[in-house]
Structure formats: C-alpha cells, structure tokens
Amino acid sequence: MSALTDRIIIVTGAASGIGKGIATRLAADGATVVVADLDAQKSQDTAAELGNGSIGIATDVTDRTAVDAMTAEVIDRFGRIDTLVNNAGWDKVEPFMESTADTWDRVIAINLIGTLNCTQSAAAHMIEAGSGSVVSIGSDAGRVGSSGEAVYSAAKGGIISFTKTFAREVARSGINANCVCPGPADTPMFAQISAENPKLRTALEKAIPMRRLAQPEDLANAVAFFARPDSNFITGQTLSVSGGLTMA
C-alpha cells in the first residue's frame, strides 16, 4: 500500500506548474487529489490524468465564498480533508518603486489572503475530525528577499510567519502545518520572467550550488513528505528546496 493511499488532499493552483507537479506526485503515492484551480477545464483535465478518483473544482482562492463552497463539496463527496496544500500564487517582477497599488492588491490577495482563506476553511473540518495537515508553499524570497519581488516577498514572508503561529494554535487538535520554500524554479511563471532577461537563468544556475533550477518534482517530493503520516510530529517548520542557494 502506498504512503498516501485513501488520503483526500486538496492542492490549490494544481492545473499547471509546481501545483501540477505536486498533484502528480501525491496521486502517484496513492492520494485522491482535489485539483482546485481558477481554470475549470484545466482542473478537470488534470484530475482525469491523475486518476485515483481525483476531481477538479474551479476555485478562486481570493473569494472566500468560493473557497467555502469548494471545501464543502469535498466534505460532501469524500467525508473528510486529510491535507491541504496551499500552492496557488502569482507574481509580477518589477522594482518596488515602479509597482502600483493594484499589483500589490493582486499579489497579496492571491498569495497571502488565498492561503488564509483556504487554511481557515479546510481547517474547520480538520479540527472537527481531530486530524489533518496543511502544507503551504512559501518562497525563499520570503526568507531572504529577492530584487524585483518586494511585495511577493512580503506576502510569502507572511505565509511563513502565519504557518508558525497557525501550527501552534491547532497542534492540540491533531493538525500539523509546515511551509515549503522553493528557490528559483523552472516553471511557466519563471519562463515569462526570464523571457525579458535571457541572462537570468544562466546567472541563477551559476549561483545555485547544484547548478540547476528546481523542477516541479523537487518541490513535490518535499510536499509529499509533509503530507505523509510519518511527519505528523513535525510542525511549524520551514523547508527550503533551493539546491543550496539558501541555507538555514
């Protein structure tokens, strides 16, 4: 029997990029994955690829009503939520002094408020059940900063701090919460960023001791560890997956 067989796991932003890599790994380990993504068609297509009875639900993580409807549908269908993976995110790379309040609002809404919405909604069911886990995708930008990503760094730093406090508050309810922080990763979002700066990839690969960007499966492996029952006594932790670019 695989480590996650019969586990019901919600992954937000799971129709592409790191989220899809996470969902694919969790399904390979036996989990039934709820692909919660803004793109309804892609979420359903991804769920069909995953198998294990996985389902896709169109979800805007910035809309609390939509999030509550999603978690209610999961409970109605499966009876429980074993793990929530807060992965949905968005960024716009630019100097802070050139950024606008509209951009700040969107970055904070998707990355930070989305994580708060999904965590509170899913954790209400976990607390009632007396068990569960939450894995949030932070970023090393939130730990050490990243030029051109001031507000994104602030939002991800907020996720890291939130995870620690949330972990303290729900520990006695049998719930653990941890944060996985990617370094530079080879994703569609990075491709958009590097298209404007072709030298960025080469510079990062030289800076990373392992001489490559993270792949979605690298992050997925870390998330899968935190989703497994073996990690139940680990909570409030921040794990960087950066090929040695950052070291705690």
C-alpha atoms as a PDB file:
ATOM      1  CA  MET A   1       0.000   0.000   0.000  1.00  0.00           C
ATOM      2  CA  SER A   2       1.369   3.436  -0.940  1.00  0.00           C
ATOM      3  CA  ALA A   3       2.027   6.040   1.764  1.00  0.00           C
ATOM      4  CA  LEU A   4      -0.927   8.231   0.802  1.00  0.00           C
ATOM      5  CA  THR A   5      -3.483   5.627  -0.260  1.00  0.00           C
ATOM      6  CA  ASP A   6      -7.042   6.755   0.521  1.00  0.00           C
ATOM      7  CA  ARG A   7      -5.871  10.223   1.585  1.00  0.00           C
ATOM      8  CA  ILE A   8      -8.001  13.160   0.391  1.00  0.00           C
ATOM      9  CA  ILE A   9      -5.700  16.052  -0.495  1.00  0.00           C
ATOM     10  CA  ILE A  10      -6.640  19.493  -1.833  1.00  0.00           C
ATOM     11  CA  VAL A  11      -3.982  21.219  -3.937  1.00  0.00           C
ATOM     12  CA  THR A  12      -4.703  24.791  -4.997  1.00  0.00           C
ATOM     13  CA  GLY A  13      -3.361  26.071  -8.300  1.00  0.00           C
ATOM     14  CA  ALA A  14      -2.801  22.442  -9.297  1.00  0.00           C
ATOM     15  CA  ALA A  15      -3.587  22.598 -13.006  1.00  0.00           C
ATOM     16  CA  SER A  16      -0.079  23.671 -14.061  1.00  0.00           C
ATOM     17  CA  GLY A  17       3.496  24.300 -12.945  1.00  0.00           C
ATOM     18  CA  ILE A  18       4.592  23.391  -9.434  1.00  0.00           C
ATOM     19  CA  GLY A  19       0.988  22.669  -8.409  1.00  0.00           C
ATOM     20  CA  LYS A  20       0.558  20.052 -11.109  1.00  0.00           C
ATOM     21  CA  GLY A  21       3.907  18.518 -10.164  1.00  0.00           C
ATOM     22  CA  ILE A  22       2.736  18.284  -6.558  1.00  0.00           C
ATOM     23  CA  ALA A  23      -0.613  16.799  -7.527  1.00  0.00           C
ATOM     24  CA  THR A  24       1.070  14.248  -9.793  1.00  0.00           C
ATOM     25  CA  ARG A  25       3.430  13.079  -7.035  1.00  0.00           C
ATOM     26  CA  LEU A  26       0.659  12.848  -4.439  1.00  0.00           C
ATOM     27  CA  ALA A  27      -1.520  10.827  -6.805  1.00  0.00           C
ATOM     28  CA  ALA A  28       1.430   8.546  -7.589  1.00  0.00           C
ATOM     29  CA  ASP A  29       1.671   7.916  -3.834  1.00  0.00           C
ATOM     30  CA  GLY A  30      -1.974   6.852  -3.797  1.00  0.00           C
ATOM     31  CA  ALA A  31      -3.820  10.038  -2.845  1.00  0.00           C
ATOM     32  CA  THR A  32      -7.120  11.221  -4.227  1.00  0.00           C
ATOM     33  CA  VAL A  33      -6.362  14.797  -5.255  1.00  0.00           C
ATOM     34  CA  VAL A  34      -8.785  17.699  -5.412  1.00  0.00           C
ATOM     35  CA  VAL A  35      -7.407  19.952  -8.152  1.00  0.00           C
ATOM     36  CA  ALA A  36      -8.620  23.387  -7.044  1.00  0.00           C
ATOM     37  CA  ASP A  37      -7.733  25.844  -9.780  1.00  0.00           C
ATOM     38  CA  LEU A  38      -9.083  29.036 -11.306  1.00  0.00           C
ATOM     39  CA  ASP A  39      -9.173  27.335 -14.726  1.00  0.00           C
ATOM     40  CA  ALA A  40     -12.167  24.984 -14.625  1.00  0.00           C
ATOM     41  CA  GLN A  41     -11.312  22.990 -17.743  1.00  0.00           C
ATOM     42  CA  LYS A  42      -7.655  22.527 -16.842  1.00  0.00           C
ATOM     43  CA  SER A  43      -8.564  21.466 -13.310  1.00  0.00           C
ATOM     44  CA  GLN A  44     -10.872  18.756 -14.637  1.00  0.00           C
ATOM     45  CA  ASP A  45      -8.384  17.635 -17.285  1.00  0.00           C
ATOM     46  CA  THR A  46      -5.607  17.402 -14.702  1.00  0.00           C
ATOM     47  CA  ALA A  47      -7.809  15.425 -12.311  1.00  0.00           C
ATOM     48  CA  ALA A  48      -8.639  12.972 -15.104  1.00  0.00           C
ATOM     49  CA  GLU A  49      -4.922  12.469 -15.751  1.00  0.00           C
ATOM     50  CA  LEU A  50      -4.226  11.814 -12.071  1.00  0.00           C
ATOM     51  CA  GLY A  51      -6.765   9.037 -11.576  1.00  0.00           C
ATOM     52  CA  ASN A  52      -7.487   7.649  -8.073  1.00  0.00           C
ATOM     53  CA  GLY A  53     -10.920   9.289  -8.182  1.00  0.00           C
ATOM     54  CA  SER A  54      -9.349  12.739  -8.260  1.00  0.00           C
ATOM     55  CA  ILE A  55     -11.643  15.651  -9.096  1.00  0.00           C
ATOM     56  CA  GLY A  56     -11.250  19.179 -10.406  1.00  0.00           C
ATOM     57  CA  ILE A  57     -13.089  22.113  -8.863  1.00  0.00           C
ATOM     58  CA  ALA A  58     -12.932  25.651 -10.250  1.00  0.00           C
ATOM     59  CA  THR A  59     -11.843  27.788  -7.292  1.00  0.00           C
ATOM     60  CA  ASP A  60     -10.801  31.408  -6.867  1.00  0.00           C
ATOM     61  CA  VAL A  61      -8.741  31.356  -3.674  1.00  0.00           C
ATOM     62  CA  THR A  62      -9.248  35.107  -3.195  1.00  0.00           C
ATOM     63  CA  ASP A  63     -13.027  34.584  -2.925  1.00  0.00           C
ATOM     64  CA  ARG A  64     -13.930  33.170   0.495  1.00  0.00           C
ATOM     65  CA  THR A  65     -17.405  32.151  -0.637  1.00  0.00           C
ATOM     66  CA  ALA A  66     -15.918  30.134  -3.495  1.00  0.00           C
ATOM     67  CA  VAL A  67     -13.355  28.541  -1.172  1.00  0.00           C
ATOM     68  CA  ASP A  68     -16.003  27.527   1.356  1.00  0.00           C
ATOM     69  CA  ALA A  69     -18.101  26.044  -1.454  1.00  0.00           C
ATOM     70  CA  MET A  70     -15.069  24.033  -2.592  1.00  0.00           C
ATOM     71  CA  THR A  71     -14.296  22.586   0.835  1.00  0.00           C
ATOM     72  CA  ALA A  72     -17.984  21.834   1.412  1.00  0.00           C
ATOM     73  CA  GLU A  73     -18.099  19.930  -1.880  1.00  0.00           C
ATOM     74  CA  VAL A  74     -15.037  17.921  -0.846  1.00  0.00           C
ATOM     75  CA  ILE A  75     -16.610  17.016   2.507  1.00  0.00           C
ATOM     76  CA  ASP A  76     -19.905  16.135   0.848  1.00  0.00           C
ATOM     77  CA  ARG A  77     -18.159  13.881  -1.651  1.00  0.00           C
ATOM     78  CA  PHE A  78     -15.381  12.300   0.410  1.00  0.00           C
ATOM     79  CA  GLY A  79     -16.340  12.941   4.035  1.00  0.00           C
ATOM     80  CA  ARG A  80     -13.031  14.488   5.077  1.00  0.00           C
ATOM     81  CA  ILE A  81      -9.987  16.566   4.142  1.00  0.00           C
ATOM     82  CA  ASP A  82      -6.715  14.943   5.149  1.00  0.00           C
ATOM     83  CA  THR A  83      -4.289  17.527   3.735  1.00  0.00           C
ATOM     84  CA  LEU A  84      -4.481  20.989   2.227  1.00  0.00           C
ATOM     85  CA  VAL A  85      -1.641  22.184   0.006  1.00  0.00           C
ATOM     86  CA  ASN A  86      -1.692  25.965  -0.423  1.00  0.00           C
ATOM     87  CA  ASN A  87       0.108  26.353  -3.747  1.00  0.00           C
ATOM     88  CA  ALA A  88      -1.830  28.958  -5.758  1.00  0.00           C
ATOM     89  CA  GLY A  89       0.305  32.034  -6.356  1.00  0.00           C
ATOM     90  CA  TRP A  90       1.071  34.924  -8.681  1.00  0.00           C
ATOM     91  CA  ASP A  91       3.844  37.462  -9.110  1.00  0.00           C
ATOM     92  CA  LYS A  92       4.890  40.410 -11.261  1.00  0.00           C
ATOM     93  CA  VAL A  93       8.604  41.128 -11.262  1.00  0.00           C
ATOM     94  CA  GLU A  94       9.446  44.827 -11.213  1.00  0.00           C
ATOM     95  CA  PRO A  95      11.261  47.351  -8.993  1.00  0.00           C
ATOM     96  CA  PHE A  96       9.126  48.265  -5.997  1.00  0.00           C
ATOM     97  CA  MET A  97       9.228  51.974  -6.833  1.00  0.00           C
ATOM     98  CA  GLU A  98       7.686  51.207 -10.234  1.00  0.00           C
ATOM     99  CA  SER A  99       4.939  48.957  -8.868  1.00  0.00           C
ATOM    100  CA  THR A 100       1.341  50.036  -8.285  1.00  0.00           C
ATOM    101  CA  ALA A 101      -1.250  49.505  -5.583  1.00  0.00           C
ATOM    102  CA  ASP A 102      -3.322  47.398  -7.984  1.00  0.00           C
ATOM    103  CA  THR A 103      -0.401  44.999  -8.365  1.00  0.00           C
ATOM    104  CA  TRP A 104       0.155  44.917  -4.592  1.00  0.00           C
ATOM    105  CA  ASP A 105      -3.500  44.060  -4.031  1.00  0.00           C
ATOM    106  CA  ARG A 106      -3.409  41.190  -6.525  1.00  0.00           C
ATOM    107  CA  VAL A 107      -0.132  39.726  -5.249  1.00  0.00           C
ATOM    108  CA  ILE A 108      -1.292  39.847  -1.634  1.00  0.00           C
ATOM    109  CA  ALA A 109      -4.795  38.597  -2.422  1.00  0.00           C
ATOM    110  CA  ILE A 110      -3.664  35.516  -4.338  1.00  0.00           C
ATOM    111  CA  ASN A 111      -0.600  34.556  -2.320  1.00  0.00           C
ATOM    112  CA  LEU A 112      -1.419  35.545   1.257  1.00  0.00           C
ATOM    113  CA  ILE A 113      -5.190  36.030   1.523  1.00  0.00           C
ATOM    114  CA  GLY A 114      -5.721  32.936  -0.623  1.00  0.00           C
ATOM    115  CA  THR A 115      -3.668  30.905   1.837  1.00  0.00           C
ATOM    116  CA  LEU A 116      -5.601  32.323   4.796  1.00  0.00           C
ATOM    117  CA  ASN A 117      -8.960  31.652   3.122  1.00  0.00           C
ATOM    118  CA  CYS A 118      -8.175  28.053   2.208  1.00  0.00           C
ATOM    119  CA  THR A 119      -6.492  27.223   5.513  1.00  0.00           C
ATOM    120  CA  GLN A 120      -9.311  28.518   7.697  1.00  0.00           C
ATOM    121  CA  SER A 121     -11.964  26.870   5.544  1.00  0.00           C
ATOM    122  CA  ALA A 122     -10.287  23.460   5.359  1.00  0.00           C
ATOM    123  CA  ALA A 123      -9.012  23.500   8.952  1.00  0.00           C
ATOM    124  CA  ALA A 124     -12.533  23.930  10.317  1.00  0.00           C
ATOM    125  CA  HIS A 125     -13.278  20.433   9.003  1.00  0.00           C
ATOM    126  CA  MET A 126      -9.913  19.077  10.177  1.00  0.00           C
ATOM    127  CA  ILE A 127     -10.463  20.372  13.721  1.00  0.00           C
ATOM    128  CA  GLU A 128     -13.849  18.682  13.835  1.00  0.00           C
ATOM    129  CA  ALA A 129     -12.201  15.439  12.690  1.00  0.00           C
ATOM    130  CA  GLY A 130      -9.274  15.810  15.081  1.00  0.00           C
ATOM    131  CA  SER A 131      -6.612  15.310  12.417  1.00  0.00           C
ATOM    132  CA  GLY A 132      -5.141  16.823   9.274  1.00  0.00           C
ATOM    133  CA  SER A 133      -2.187  18.652   7.813  1.00  0.00           C
ATOM    134  CA  VAL A 134      -1.561  21.888   5.949  1.00  0.00           C
ATOM    135  CA  VAL A 135       1.409  22.430   3.659  1.00  0.00           C
ATOM    136  CA  SER A 136       1.849  25.968   2.333  1.00  0.00           C
ATOM    137  CA  ILE A 137       4.178  26.940  -0.479  1.00  0.00           C
ATOM    138  CA  GLY A 138       6.211  29.907   0.633  1.00  0.00           C
ATOM    139  CA  SER A 139       9.341  31.094  -1.131  1.00  0.00           C
ATOM    140  CA  ASP A 140      12.943  31.767  -0.293  1.00  0.00           C
ATOM    141  CA  ALA A 141      12.071  35.288  -1.438  1.00  0.00           C
ATOM    142  CA  GLY A 142      10.104  35.490   1.803  1.00  0.00           C
ATOM    143  CA  ARG A 143      13.115  34.343   3.829  1.00  0.00           C
ATOM    144  CA  VAL A 144      15.980  36.327   2.326  1.00  0.00           C
ATOM    145  CA  GLY A 145      14.371  38.809  -0.089  1.00  0.00           C
ATOM    146  CA  SER A 146      14.502  38.966  -3.882  1.00  0.00           C
ATOM    147  CA  SER A 147      15.132  42.049  -6.023  1.00  0.00           C
ATOM    148  CA  GLY A 148      12.106  42.896  -8.138  1.00  0.00           C
ATOM    149  CA  GLU A 149       9.786  40.917  -5.874  1.00  0.00           C
ATOM    150  CA  ALA A 150       9.276  43.170  -2.870  1.00  0.00           C
ATOM    151  CA  VAL A 151       5.545  42.657  -2.400  1.00  0.00           C
ATOM    152  CA  TYR A 152       5.711  38.975  -3.368  1.00  0.00           C
ATOM    153  CA  SER A 153       8.482  38.559  -0.782  1.00  0.00           C
ATOM    154  CA  ALA A 154       6.287  40.282   1.798  1.00  0.00           C
ATOM    155  CA  ALA A 155       3.350  38.007   1.021  1.00  0.00           C
ATOM    156  CA  LYS A 156       5.462  34.853   1.150  1.00  0.00           C
ATOM    157  CA  GLY A 157       7.114  36.042   4.355  1.00  0.00           C
ATOM    158  CA  GLY A 158       3.602  36.412   5.724  1.00  0.00           C
ATOM    159  CA  ILE A 159       2.837  32.803   4.801  1.00  0.00           C
ATOM    160  CA  ILE A 160       5.955  31.620   6.652  1.00  0.00           C
ATOM    161  CA  SER A 161       5.045  33.566   9.803  1.00  0.00           C
ATOM    162  CA  PHE A 162       1.390  32.567   9.585  1.00  0.00           C
ATOM    163  CA  THR A 163       2.322  28.894   9.306  1.00  0.00           C
ATOM    164  CA  LYS A 164       4.301  29.023  12.546  1.00  0.00           C
ATOM    165  CA  THR A 165       1.509  30.650  14.529  1.00  0.00           C
ATOM    166  CA  PHE A 166      -1.226  28.511  12.976  1.00  0.00           C
ATOM    167  CA  ALA A 167       0.803  25.395  13.799  1.00  0.00           C
ATOM    168  CA  ARG A 168       0.907  26.427  17.465  1.00  0.00           C
ATOM    169  CA  GLU A 169      -2.825  27.117  17.593  1.00  0.00           C
ATOM    170  CA  VAL A 170      -4.025  23.827  16.081  1.00  0.00           C
ATOM    171  CA  ALA A 171      -1.438  21.375  17.409  1.00  0.00           C
ATOM    172  CA  ARG A 172      -3.753  20.128  20.158  1.00  0.00           C
ATOM    173  CA  SER A 173      -6.395  19.416  17.528  1.00  0.00           C
ATOM    174  CA  GLY A 174      -4.102  16.859  15.914  1.00  0.00           C
ATOM    175  CA  ILE A 175      -3.186  19.098  12.979  1.00  0.00           C
ATOM    176  CA  ASN A 176       0.312  19.925  11.777  1.00  0.00           C
ATOM    177  CA  ALA A 177       1.298  22.761   9.450  1.00  0.00           C
ATOM    178  CA  ASN A 178       4.536  23.329   7.577  1.00  0.00           C
ATOM    179  CA  CYS A 179       5.928  25.521   4.833  1.00  0.00           C
ATOM    180  CA  VAL A 180       7.938  24.525   1.760  1.00  0.00           C
ATOM    181  CA  CYS A 181      10.017  27.348   0.261  1.00  0.00           C
ATOM    182  CA  PRO A 182      11.180  26.982  -3.339  1.00  0.00           C
ATOM    183  CA  GLY A 183      14.239  28.764  -4.590  1.00  0.00           C
ATOM    184  CA  PRO A 184      14.338  29.644  -8.315  1.00  0.00           C
ATOM    185  CA  ALA A 185      12.200  27.048 -10.099  1.00  0.00           C
ATOM    186  CA  ASP A 186      11.753  26.088 -13.738  1.00  0.00           C
ATOM    187  CA  THR A 187       8.068  26.941 -14.111  1.00  0.00           C
ATOM    188  CA  PRO A 188       5.841  28.739 -16.651  1.00  0.00           C
ATOM    189  CA  MET A 189       5.974  31.823 -14.403  1.00  0.00           C
ATOM    190  CA  PHE A 190       9.777  31.785 -14.466  1.00  0.00           C
ATOM    191  CA  ALA A 191       9.725  31.376 -18.246  1.00  0.00           C
ATOM    192  CA  GLN A 192       7.713  34.581 -18.540  1.00  0.00           C
ATOM    193  CA  ILE A 193      10.107  36.424 -16.259  1.00  0.00           C
ATOM    194  CA  SER A 194      13.280  35.142 -17.950  1.00  0.00           C
ATOM    195  CA  ALA A 195      11.930  35.960 -21.416  1.00  0.00           C
ATOM    196  CA  GLU A 196      12.546  39.604 -20.562  1.00  0.00           C
ATOM    197  CA  ASN A 197      16.002  38.843 -19.157  1.00  0.00           C
ATOM    198  CA  PRO A 198      17.642  35.945 -21.041  1.00  0.00           C
ATOM    199  CA  LYS A 199      20.747  36.064 -18.818  1.00  0.00           C
ATOM    200  CA  LEU A 200      18.736  35.448 -15.649  1.00  0.00           C
ATOM    201  CA  ARG A 201      18.647  31.647 -15.944  1.00  0.00           C
ATOM    202  CA  THR A 202      22.406  31.393 -16.515  1.00  0.00           C
ATOM    203  CA  ALA A 203      23.150  33.715 -13.607  1.00  0.00           C
ATOM    204  CA  LEU A 204      20.931  31.735 -11.248  1.00  0.00           C
ATOM    205  CA  GLU A 205      22.337  28.391 -12.341  1.00  0.00           C
ATOM    206  CA  LYS A 206      25.837  29.696 -11.545  1.00  0.00           C
ATOM    207  CA  ALA A 207      24.689  30.914  -8.128  1.00  0.00           C
ATOM    208  CA  ILE A 208      22.955  27.664  -7.128  1.00  0.00           C
ATOM    209  CA  PRO A 209      25.499  25.143  -5.749  1.00  0.00           C
ATOM    210  CA  MET A 210      23.716  22.271  -7.517  1.00  0.00           C
ATOM    211  CA  ARG A 211      23.898  24.260 -10.757  1.00  0.00           C
ATOM    212  CA  ARG A 212      20.271  23.982 -11.846  1.00  0.00           C
ATOM    213  CA  LEU A 213      16.847  25.432 -11.186  1.00  0.00           C
ATOM    214  CA  ALA A 214      14.359  23.453  -9.140  1.00  0.00           C
ATOM    215  CA  GLN A 215      11.975  21.263 -11.091  1.00  0.00           C
ATOM    216  CA  PRO A 216       8.321  20.852 -10.024  1.00  0.00           C
ATOM    217  CA  GLU A 217       9.079  17.318  -8.826  1.00  0.00           C
ATOM    218  CA  ASP A 218      11.730  18.651  -6.428  1.00  0.00           C
ATOM    219  CA  LEU A 219       9.078  20.677  -4.620  1.00  0.00           C
ATOM    220  CA  ALA A 220       6.562  17.855  -4.925  1.00  0.00           C
ATOM    221  CA  ASN A 221       8.901  15.480  -3.078  1.00  0.00           C
ATOM    222  CA  ALA A 222       9.089  17.862  -0.111  1.00  0.00           C
ATOM    223  CA  VAL A 223       5.318  18.360  -0.036  1.00  0.00           C
ATOM    224  CA  ALA A 224       4.745  14.603  -0.220  1.00  0.00           C
ATOM    225  CA  PHE A 225       6.959  14.163   2.859  1.00  0.00           C
ATOM    226  CA  PHE A 226       4.910  16.646   4.876  1.00  0.00           C
ATOM    227  CA  ALA A 227       1.663  15.027   3.693  1.00  0.00           C
ATOM    228  CA  ARG A 228       2.717  11.574   4.850  1.00  0.00           C
ATOM    229  CA  PRO A 229       1.608  10.228   8.255  1.00  0.00           C
ATOM    230  CA  ASP A 230       5.306   9.769   9.183  1.00  0.00           C
ATOM    231  CA  SER A 231       5.675  13.560   9.517  1.00  0.00           C
ATOM    232  CA  ASN A 232       2.801  14.002  11.992  1.00  0.00           C
ATOM    233  CA  PHE A 233       5.162  15.142  14.775  1.00  0.00           C
ATOM    234  CA  ILE A 234       6.802  17.803  12.586  1.00  0.00           C
ATOM    235  CA  THR A 235       5.020  21.137  12.680  1.00  0.00           C
ATOM    236  CA  GLY A 236       5.716  24.845  12.274  1.00  0.00           C
ATOM    237  CA  GLN A 237       8.770  24.171  10.112  1.00  0.00           C
ATOM    238  CA  THR A 238      10.095  25.951   7.019  1.00  0.00           C
ATOM    239  CA  LEU A 239      11.962  23.817   4.483  1.00  0.00           C
ATOM    240  CA  SER A 240      13.896  25.444   1.641  1.00  0.00           C
ATOM    241  CA  VAL A 241      14.180  23.481  -1.602  1.00  0.00           C
ATOM    242  CA  SER A 242      16.775  25.526  -3.435  1.00  0.00           C
ATOM    243  CA  GLY A 243      19.728  23.356  -4.381  1.00  0.00           C
ATOM    244  CA  GLY A 244      21.745  25.043  -1.650  1.00  0.00           C
ATOM    245  CA  LEU A 245      21.153  28.626  -2.795  1.00  0.00           C
ATOM    246  CA  THR A 246      19.872  29.414   0.699  1.00  0.00           C
ATOM    247  CA  MET A 247      20.910  27.532   3.800  1.00  0.00           C
ATOM    248  CA  ALA A 248      19.287  27.893   7.214  1.00  0.00           C
END
